[in-house]
Every structure is written in structure tokens, then in C-alpha cells.
Amino acid sequence: MKSAIDGLHSFPNGYLIIIVVLAMASGAYGFMNLSSVVFGVPNYYRSDIEQSDKLVIGFFNVAISVIAICSVMFMIR
């Protein structure tokens, strides 16, 4: 069983670290988008569509970064 897991990925660990760093940056960007809409001062100059776009982009950035980090952790395990 261990030998099957060892051959699961062919990336060197450096590439996996780069993927984790990029996923963390994407997650931070998504969290900033979410927090600017949810916790930020109400911006009356921003339309409802722009606020909705920020919520959707922020949510998907956070979701994609969590999935990427979990998959890399599974591959390294």
C-alpha cells in the first residue's frame, strides 16, 4: 500500500511548495475580497453588482485555494 502511495505524484517537492504558496496567495486575495464586502465600511459608490462580483470571486478564490492546499497535503502524505 505504501509503494502505491509513493508513486502517486511525480512533482519534486519544490513545485509542490510553489503550488501551496500560490494557493495561499489566492486565498488571501479571496479573503480580502470577502472582507471588503462583508466587514468593510459600506461603499455607496459601489453598485450591488460589483459587490456581488467581489463576493463570488472571493468565495471561489478561497475555495480553490483550500482544495489546492488539501490536495497537495494528500500528495505529500
PDB file of N, CA and C in Angstrom:
ATOM      1  N   MET A   1       0.817  -1.189   0.000  1.00  0.00           N
ATOM      2  CA  MET A   1       0.000   0.000   0.000  1.00  0.00           C
ATOM      3  C   MET A   1       0.862   1.255   0.000  1.00  0.00           C
ATOM      4  N   LYS A   2       1.935   1.232   0.753  1.00  0.00           N
ATOM      5  CA  LYS A   2       2.811   2.400   0.822  1.00  0.00           C
ATOM      6  C   LYS A   2       3.482   2.663  -0.515  1.00  0.00           C
ATOM      7  N   SER A   3       3.847   1.617  -1.250  1.00  0.00           N
ATOM      8  CA  SER A   3       4.505   1.831  -2.539  1.00  0.00           C
ATOM      9  C   SER A   3       3.546   2.429  -3.556  1.00  0.00           C
ATOM     10  N   ALA A   4       2.265   2.117  -3.456  1.00  0.00           N
ATOM     11  CA  ALA A   4       1.285   2.716  -4.370  1.00  0.00           C
ATOM     12  C   ALA A   4       1.119   4.199  -4.077  1.00  0.00           C
ATOM     13  N   ILE A   5       1.186   4.580  -2.811  1.00  0.00           N
ATOM     14  CA  ILE A   5       1.054   5.991  -2.453  1.00  0.00           C
ATOM     15  C   ILE A   5       2.313   6.749  -2.830  1.00  0.00           C
ATOM     16  N   ASP A   6       3.493   6.126  -2.734  1.00  0.00           N
ATOM     17  CA  ASP A   6       4.735   6.806  -3.077  1.00  0.00           C
ATOM     18  C   ASP A   6       4.769   7.216  -4.541  1.00  0.00           C
ATOM     19  N   GLY A   7       4.185   6.438  -5.424  1.00  0.00           N
ATOM     20  CA  GLY A   7       4.205   6.769  -6.837  1.00  0.00           C
ATOM     21  C   GLY A   7       3.036   7.616  -7.280  1.00  0.00           C
ATOM     22  N   LEU A   8       2.345   8.256  -6.323  1.00  0.00           N
ATOM     23  CA  LEU A   8       1.135   8.995  -6.658  1.00  0.00           C
ATOM     24  C   LEU A   8       1.433  10.281  -7.415  1.00  0.00           C
ATOM     25  N   HIS A   9       2.495  10.978  -7.070  1.00  0.00           N
ATOM     26  CA  HIS A   9       2.804  12.226  -7.770  1.00  0.00           C
ATOM     27  C   HIS A   9       4.222  12.169  -8.304  1.00  0.00           C
ATOM     28  N   SER A  10       4.438  12.914  -9.381  1.00  0.00           N
ATOM     29  CA  SER A  10       5.765  12.925  -9.985  1.00  0.00           C
ATOM     30  C   SER A  10       6.433  14.285  -9.850  1.00  0.00           C
ATOM     31  N   PHE A  11       5.823  15.226  -9.127  1.00  0.00           N
ATOM     32  CA  PHE A  11       6.415  16.544  -8.955  1.00  0.00           C
ATOM     33  C   PHE A  11       7.482  16.503  -7.873  1.00  0.00           C
ATOM     34  N   PRO A  12       8.578  17.236  -8.070  1.00  0.00           N
ATOM     35  CA  PRO A  12       9.515  17.419  -6.955  1.00  0.00           C
ATOM     36  C   PRO A  12       8.852  18.279  -5.876  1.00  0.00           C
ATOM     37  N   ASN A  13       9.365  18.210  -4.682  1.00  0.00           N
ATOM     38  CA  ASN A  13       8.746  18.944  -3.580  1.00  0.00           C
ATOM     39  C   ASN A  13       8.787  20.451  -3.777  1.00  0.00           C
ATOM     40  N   GLY A  14       9.752  20.960  -4.544  1.00  0.00           N
ATOM     41  CA  GLY A  14       9.814  22.396  -4.811  1.00  0.00           C
ATOM     42  C   GLY A  14       8.593  22.896  -5.549  1.00  0.00           C
ATOM     43  N   TYR A  15       8.122  22.124  -6.523  1.00  0.00           N
ATOM     44  CA  TYR A  15       6.921  22.523  -7.252  1.00  0.00           C
ATOM     45  C   TYR A  15       5.696  22.485  -6.352  1.00  0.00           C
ATOM     46  N   LEU A  16       5.636  21.518  -5.473  1.00  0.00           N
ATOM     47  CA  LEU A  16       4.504  21.433  -4.559  1.00  0.00           C
ATOM     48  C   LEU A  16       4.493  22.608  -3.593  1.00  0.00           C
ATOM     49  N   ILE A  17       5.670  23.055  -3.169  1.00  0.00           N
ATOM     50  CA  ILE A  17       5.749  24.223  -2.293  1.00  0.00           C
ATOM     51  C   ILE A  17       5.302  25.471  -3.038  1.00  0.00           C
ATOM     52  N   ILE A  18       5.680  25.599  -4.311  1.00  0.00           N
ATOM     53  CA  ILE A  18       5.234  26.740  -5.114  1.00  0.00           C
ATOM     54  C   ILE A  18       3.717  26.722  -5.260  1.00  0.00           C
ATOM     55  N   ILE A  19       3.137  25.551  -5.470  1.00  0.00           N
ATOM     56  CA  ILE A  19       1.683  25.439  -5.590  1.00  0.00           C
ATOM     57  C   ILE A  19       1.015  25.872  -4.288  1.00  0.00           C
ATOM     58  N   VAL A  20       1.566  25.472  -3.153  1.00  0.00           N
ATOM     59  CA  VAL A  20       0.987  25.858  -1.864  1.00  0.00           C
ATOM     60  C   VAL A  20       1.103  27.365  -1.651  1.00  0.00           C
ATOM     61  N   VAL A  21       2.243  27.952  -2.004  1.00  0.00           N
ATOM     62  CA  VAL A  21       2.420  29.400  -1.835  1.00  0.00           C
ATOM     63  C   VAL A  21       1.442  30.163  -2.722  1.00  0.00           C
ATOM     64  N   LEU A  22       1.289  29.737  -3.977  1.00  0.00           N
ATOM     65  CA  LEU A  22       0.336  30.399  -4.864  1.00  0.00           C
ATOM     66  C   LEU A  22      -1.098  30.217  -4.379  1.00  0.00           C
ATOM     67  N   ALA A  23      -1.409  29.049  -3.843  1.00  0.00           N
ATOM     68  CA  ALA A  23      -2.751  28.823  -3.307  1.00  0.00           C
ATOM     69  C   ALA A  23      -3.001  29.700  -2.085  1.00  0.00           C
ATOM     70  N   MET A  24      -1.982  29.881  -1.254  1.00  0.00           N
ATOM     71  CA  MET A  24      -2.145  30.756  -0.095  1.00  0.00           C
ATOM     72  C   MET A  24      -2.335  32.205  -0.526  1.00  0.00           C
ATOM     73  N   ALA A  25      -1.615  32.633  -1.562  1.00  0.00           N
ATOM     74  CA  ALA A  25      -1.787  33.996  -2.074  1.00  0.00           C
ATOM     75  C   ALA A  25      -3.181  34.180  -2.658  1.00  0.00           C
ATOM     76  N   SER A  26      -3.657  33.179  -3.381  1.00  0.00           N
ATOM     77  CA  SER A  26      -5.010  33.248  -3.937  1.00  0.00           C
ATOM     78  C   SER A  26      -6.053  33.280  -2.828  1.00  0.00           C
ATOM     79  N   GLY A  27      -5.845  32.510  -1.788  1.00  0.00           N
ATOM     80  CA  GLY A  27      -6.759  32.519  -0.654  1.00  0.00           C
ATOM     81  C   GLY A  27      -6.760  33.859   0.073  1.00  0.00           C
ATOM     82  N   ALA A  28      -5.577  34.473   0.205  1.00  0.00           N
ATOM     83  CA  ALA A  28      -5.505  35.789   0.847  1.00  0.00           C
ATOM     84  C   ALA A  28      -6.228  36.841   0.014  1.00  0.00           C
ATOM     85  N   TYR A  29      -6.067  36.771  -1.308  1.00  0.00           N
ATOM     86  CA  TYR A  29      -6.773  37.699  -2.198  1.00  0.00           C
ATOM     87  C   TYR A  29      -8.286  37.500  -2.092  1.00  0.00           C
ATOM     88  N   GLY A  30      -8.719  36.255  -2.046  1.00  0.00           N
ATOM     89  CA  GLY A  30     -10.139  35.969  -1.898  1.00  0.00           C
ATOM     90  C   GLY A  30     -10.680  36.441  -0.563  1.00  0.00           C
ATOM     91  N   PHE A  31      -9.900  36.239   0.494  1.00  0.00           N
ATOM     92  CA  PHE A  31     -10.337  36.695   1.812  1.00  0.00           C
ATOM     93  C   PHE A  31     -10.418  38.214   1.862  1.00  0.00           C
ATOM     94  N   MET A  32      -9.489  38.906   1.186  1.00  0.00           N
ATOM     95  CA  MET A  32      -9.551  40.365   1.134  1.00  0.00           C
ATOM     96  C   MET A  32     -10.807  40.826   0.399  1.00  0.00           C
ATOM     97  N   ASN A  33     -11.173  40.140  -0.700  1.00  0.00           N
ATOM     98  CA  ASN A  33     -12.404  40.490  -1.404  1.00  0.00           C
ATOM     99  C   ASN A  33     -13.621  40.259  -0.522  1.00  0.00           C
ATOM    100  N   LEU A  34     -13.647  39.123   0.162  1.00  0.00           N
ATOM    101  CA  LEU A  34     -14.782  38.837   1.039  1.00  0.00           C
ATOM    102  C   LEU A  34     -14.875  39.837   2.186  1.00  0.00           C
ATOM    103  N   SER A  35     -13.751  40.134   2.798  1.00  0.00           N
ATOM    104  CA  SER A  35     -13.789  41.025   3.954  1.00  0.00           C
ATOM    105  C   SER A  35     -14.107  42.459   3.562  1.00  0.00           C
ATOM    106  N   SER A  36     -13.741  42.882   2.345  1.00  0.00           N
ATOM    107  CA  SER A  36     -14.062  44.246   1.932  1.00  0.00           C
ATOM    108  C   SER A  36     -15.554  44.427   1.734  1.00  0.00           C
ATOM    109  N   VAL A  37     -16.254  43.366   1.367  1.00  0.00           N
ATOM    110  CA  VAL A  37     -17.704  43.462   1.176  1.00  0.00           C
ATOM    111  C   VAL A  37     -18.438  43.193   2.484  1.00  0.00           C
ATOM    112  N   VAL A  38     -18.016  42.179   3.214  1.00  0.00           N
ATOM    113  CA  VAL A  38     -18.759  41.763   4.404  1.00  0.00           C
ATOM    114  C   VAL A  38     -18.452  42.662   5.598  1.00  0.00           C
ATOM    115  N   PHE A  39     -17.167  42.896   5.874  1.00  0.00           N
ATOM    116  CA  PHE A  39     -16.780  43.632   7.074  1.00  0.00           C
ATOM    117  C   PHE A  39     -16.430  45.081   6.804  1.00  0.00           C
ATOM    118  N   GLY A  40     -16.324  45.465   5.550  1.00  0.00           N
ATOM    119  CA  GLY A  40     -15.884  46.813   5.212  1.00  0.00           C
ATOM    120  C   GLY A  40     -16.943  47.863   5.469  1.00  0.00           C
ATOM    121  N   VAL A  41     -16.499  49.099   5.394  1.00  0.00           N
ATOM    122  CA  VAL A  41     -17.412  50.229   5.513  1.00  0.00           C
ATOM    123  C   VAL A  41     -18.317  50.229   4.292  1.00  0.00           C
ATOM    124  N   PRO A  42     -19.600  50.459   4.455  1.00  0.00           N
ATOM    125  CA  PRO A  42     -20.491  50.451   3.283  1.00  0.00           C
ATOM    126  C   PRO A  42     -20.047  51.485   2.254  1.00  0.00           C
ATOM    127  N   ASN A  43     -19.865  51.022   1.057  1.00  0.00           N
ATOM    128  CA  ASN A  43     -19.424  51.894  -0.027  1.00  0.00           C
ATOM    129  C   ASN A  43     -20.633  52.175  -0.905  1.00  0.00           C
ATOM    130  N   TYR A  44     -21.115  53.395  -0.837  1.00  0.00           N
ATOM    131  CA  TYR A  44     -22.318  53.741  -1.587  1.00  0.00           C
ATOM    132  C   TYR A  44     -22.021  54.002  -3.054  1.00  0.00           C
ATOM    133  N   TYR A  45     -20.747  54.101  -3.400  1.00  0.00           N
ATOM    134  CA  TYR A  45     -20.372  54.318  -4.795  1.00  0.00           C
ATOM    135  C   TYR A  45     -20.244  53.008  -5.559  1.00  0.00           C
ATOM    136  N   ARG A  46     -20.232  51.907  -4.846  1.00  0.00           N
ATOM    137  CA  ARG A  46     -20.111  50.597  -5.483  1.00  0.00           C
ATOM    138  C   ARG A  46     -21.507  50.012  -5.677  1.00  0.00           C
ATOM    139  N   SER A  47     -21.790  49.563  -6.876  1.00  0.00           N
ATOM    140  CA  SER A  47     -23.127  49.033  -7.154  1.00  0.00           C
ATOM    141  C   SER A  47     -23.286  47.642  -6.537  1.00  0.00           C
ATOM    142  N   ASP A  48     -24.528  47.188  -6.505  1.00  0.00           N
ATOM    143  CA  ASP A  48     -24.810  45.854  -5.969  1.00  0.00           C
ATOM    144  C   ASP A  48     -24.156  44.767  -6.810  1.00  0.00           C
ATOM    145  N   ILE A  49     -24.059  44.994  -8.110  1.00  0.00           N
ATOM    146  CA  ILE A  49     -23.432  44.000  -8.998  1.00  0.00           C
ATOM    147  C   ILE A  49     -21.949  43.883  -8.693  1.00  0.00           C
ATOM    148  N   GLU A  50     -21.282  45.011  -8.453  1.00  0.00           N
ATOM    149  CA  GLU A  50     -19.855  44.962  -8.115  1.00  0.00           C
ATOM    150  C   GLU A  50     -19.627  44.264  -6.775  1.00  0.00           C
ATOM    151  N   GLN A  51     -20.490  44.528  -5.811  1.00  0.00           N
ATOM    152  CA  GLN A  51     -20.352  43.853  -4.522  1.00  0.00           C
ATOM    153  C   GLN A  51     -20.612  42.359  -4.655  1.00  0.00           C
ATOM    154  N   SER A  52     -21.590  41.995  -5.472  1.00  0.00           N
ATOM    155  CA  SER A  52     -21.863  40.577  -5.704  1.00  0.00           C
ATOM    156  C   SER A  52     -20.690  39.905  -6.404  1.00  0.00           C
ATOM    157  N   ASP A  53     -20.090  40.608  -7.374  1.00  0.00           N
ATOM    158  CA  ASP A  53     -18.916  40.055  -8.060  1.00  0.00           C
ATOM    159  C   ASP A  53     -17.773  39.822  -7.086  1.00  0.00           C
ATOM    160  N   LYS A  54     -17.548  40.772  -6.179  1.00  0.00           N
ATOM    161  CA  LYS A  54     -16.479  40.601  -5.194  1.00  0.00           C
ATOM    162  C   LYS A  54     -16.750  39.409  -4.277  1.00  0.00           C
ATOM    163  N   LEU A  55     -18.003  39.218  -3.897  1.00  0.00           N
ATOM    164  CA  LEU A  55     -18.340  38.068  -3.056  1.00  0.00           C
ATOM    165  C   LEU A  55     -18.091  36.751  -3.779  1.00  0.00           C
ATOM    166  N   VAL A  56     -18.514  36.671  -5.035  1.00  0.00           N
ATOM    167  CA  VAL A  56     -18.346  35.427  -5.795  1.00  0.00           C
ATOM    168  C   VAL A  56     -16.874  35.151  -6.050  1.00  0.00           C
ATOM    169  N   ILE A  57     -16.129  36.165  -6.481  1.00  0.00           N
ATOM    170  CA  ILE A  57     -14.696  35.982  -6.751  1.00  0.00           C
ATOM    171  C   ILE A  57     -13.961  35.603  -5.468  1.00  0.00           C
ATOM    172  N   GLY A  58     -14.283  36.273  -4.371  1.00  0.00           N
ATOM    173  CA  GLY A  58     -13.635  35.954  -3.101  1.00  0.00           C
ATOM    174  C   GLY A  58     -13.929  34.543  -2.638  1.00  0.00           C
ATOM    175  N   PHE A  59     -15.191  34.135  -2.743  1.00  0.00           N
ATOM    176  CA  PHE A  59     -15.557  32.785  -2.317  1.00  0.00           C
ATOM    177  C   PHE A  59     -14.836  31.733  -3.147  1.00  0.00           C
ATOM    178  N   PHE A  60     -14.820  31.905  -4.472  1.00  0.00           N
ATOM    179  CA  PHE A  60     -14.174  30.896  -5.307  1.00  0.00           C
ATOM    180  C   PHE A  60     -12.658  30.893  -5.140  1.00  0.00           C
ATOM    181  N   ASN A  61     -12.042  32.040  -4.896  1.00  0.00           N
ATOM    182  CA  ASN A  61     -10.601  32.047  -4.629  1.00  0.00           C
ATOM    183  C   ASN A  61     -10.282  31.290  -3.347  1.00  0.00           C
ATOM    184  N   VAL A  62     -11.068  31.512  -2.310  1.00  0.00           N
ATOM    185  CA  VAL A  62     -10.840  30.798  -1.050  1.00  0.00           C
ATOM    186  C   VAL A  62     -11.086  29.304  -1.233  1.00  0.00           C
ATOM    187  N   ALA A  63     -12.161  28.949  -1.936  1.00  0.00           N
ATOM    188  CA  ALA A  63     -12.478  27.527  -2.141  1.00  0.00           C
ATOM    189  C   ALA A  63     -11.398  26.826  -2.957  1.00  0.00           C
ATOM    190  N   ILE A  64     -10.935  27.454  -4.022  1.00  0.00           N
ATOM    191  CA  ILE A  64      -9.898  26.844  -4.865  1.00  0.00           C
ATOM    192  C   ILE A  64      -8.596  26.704  -4.095  1.00  0.00           C
ATOM    193  N   SER A  65      -8.253  27.705  -3.278  1.00  0.00           N
ATOM    194  CA  SER A  65      -7.003  27.599  -2.523  1.00  0.00           C
ATOM    195  C   SER A  65      -7.081  26.496  -1.471  1.00  0.00           C
ATOM    196  N   VAL A  66      -8.223  26.335  -0.829  1.00  0.00           N
ATOM    197  CA  VAL A  66      -8.372  25.255   0.159  1.00  0.00           C
ATOM    198  C   VAL A  66      -8.268  23.896  -0.524  1.00  0.00           C
ATOM    199  N   ILE A  67      -8.902  23.750  -1.680  1.00  0.00           N
ATOM    200  CA  ILE A  67      -8.827  22.485  -2.418  1.00  0.00           C
ATOM    201  C   ILE A  67      -7.395  22.202  -2.854  1.00  0.00           C
ATOM    202  N   ALA A  68      -6.679  23.225  -3.347  1.00  0.00           N
ATOM    203  CA  ALA A  68      -5.298  23.021  -3.797  1.00  0.00           C
ATOM    204  C   ALA A  68      -4.387  22.636  -2.637  1.00  0.00           C
ATOM    205  N   ILE A  69      -4.524  23.318  -1.511  1.00  0.00           N
ATOM    206  CA  ILE A  69      -3.669  23.009  -0.365  1.00  0.00           C
ATOM    207  C   ILE A  69      -3.969  21.609   0.169  1.00  0.00           C
ATOM    208  N   CYS A  70      -5.244  21.241   0.241  1.00  0.00           N
ATOM    209  CA  CYS A  70      -5.592  19.892   0.724  1.00  0.00           C
ATOM    210  C   CYS A  70      -5.099  18.808  -0.223  1.00  0.00           C
ATOM    211  N   SER A  71      -5.177  19.050  -1.528  1.00  0.00           N
ATOM    212  CA  SER A  71      -4.704  18.031  -2.467  1.00  0.00           C
ATOM    213  C   SER A  71      -3.190  17.887  -2.416  1.00  0.00           C
ATOM    214  N   VAL A  72      -2.463  18.982  -2.235  1.00  0.00           N
ATOM    215  CA  VAL A  72      -1.005  18.888  -2.109  1.00  0.00           C
ATOM    216  C   VAL A  72      -0.638  18.169  -0.820  1.00  0.00           C
ATOM    217  N   MET A  73      -1.349  18.460   0.259  1.00  0.00           N
ATOM    218  CA  MET A  73      -1.075  17.761   1.511  1.00  0.00           C
ATOM    219  C   MET A  73      -1.350  16.271   1.372  1.00  0.00           C
ATOM    220  N   PHE A  74      -2.374  15.905   0.612  1.00  0.00           N
ATOM    221  CA  PHE A  74      -2.660  14.494   0.380  1.00  0.00           C
ATOM    222  C   PHE A  74      -1.550  13.850  -0.445  1.00  0.00           C
ATOM    223  N   MET A  75      -1.028  14.576  -1.448  1.00  0.00           N
ATOM    224  CA  MET A  75       0.027  14.001  -2.291  1.00  0.00           C
ATOM    225  C   MET A  75       1.332  13.839  -1.525  1.00  0.00           C
ATOM    226  N   ILE A  76       1.646  14.782  -0.645  1.00  0.00           N
ATOM    227  CA  ILE A  76       2.898  14.705   0.114  1.00  0.00           C
ATOM    228  C   ILE A  76       2.810  13.636   1.194  1.00  0.00           C
ATOM    229  N   ARG A  77       1.633  13.434   1.720  1.00  0.00           N
ATOM    230  CA  ARG A  77       1.434  12.473   2.801  1.00  0.00           C
ATOM    231  C   ARG A  77       1.974  11.154   2.377  1.00  0.00           C
TER     232      ARG A  77
END
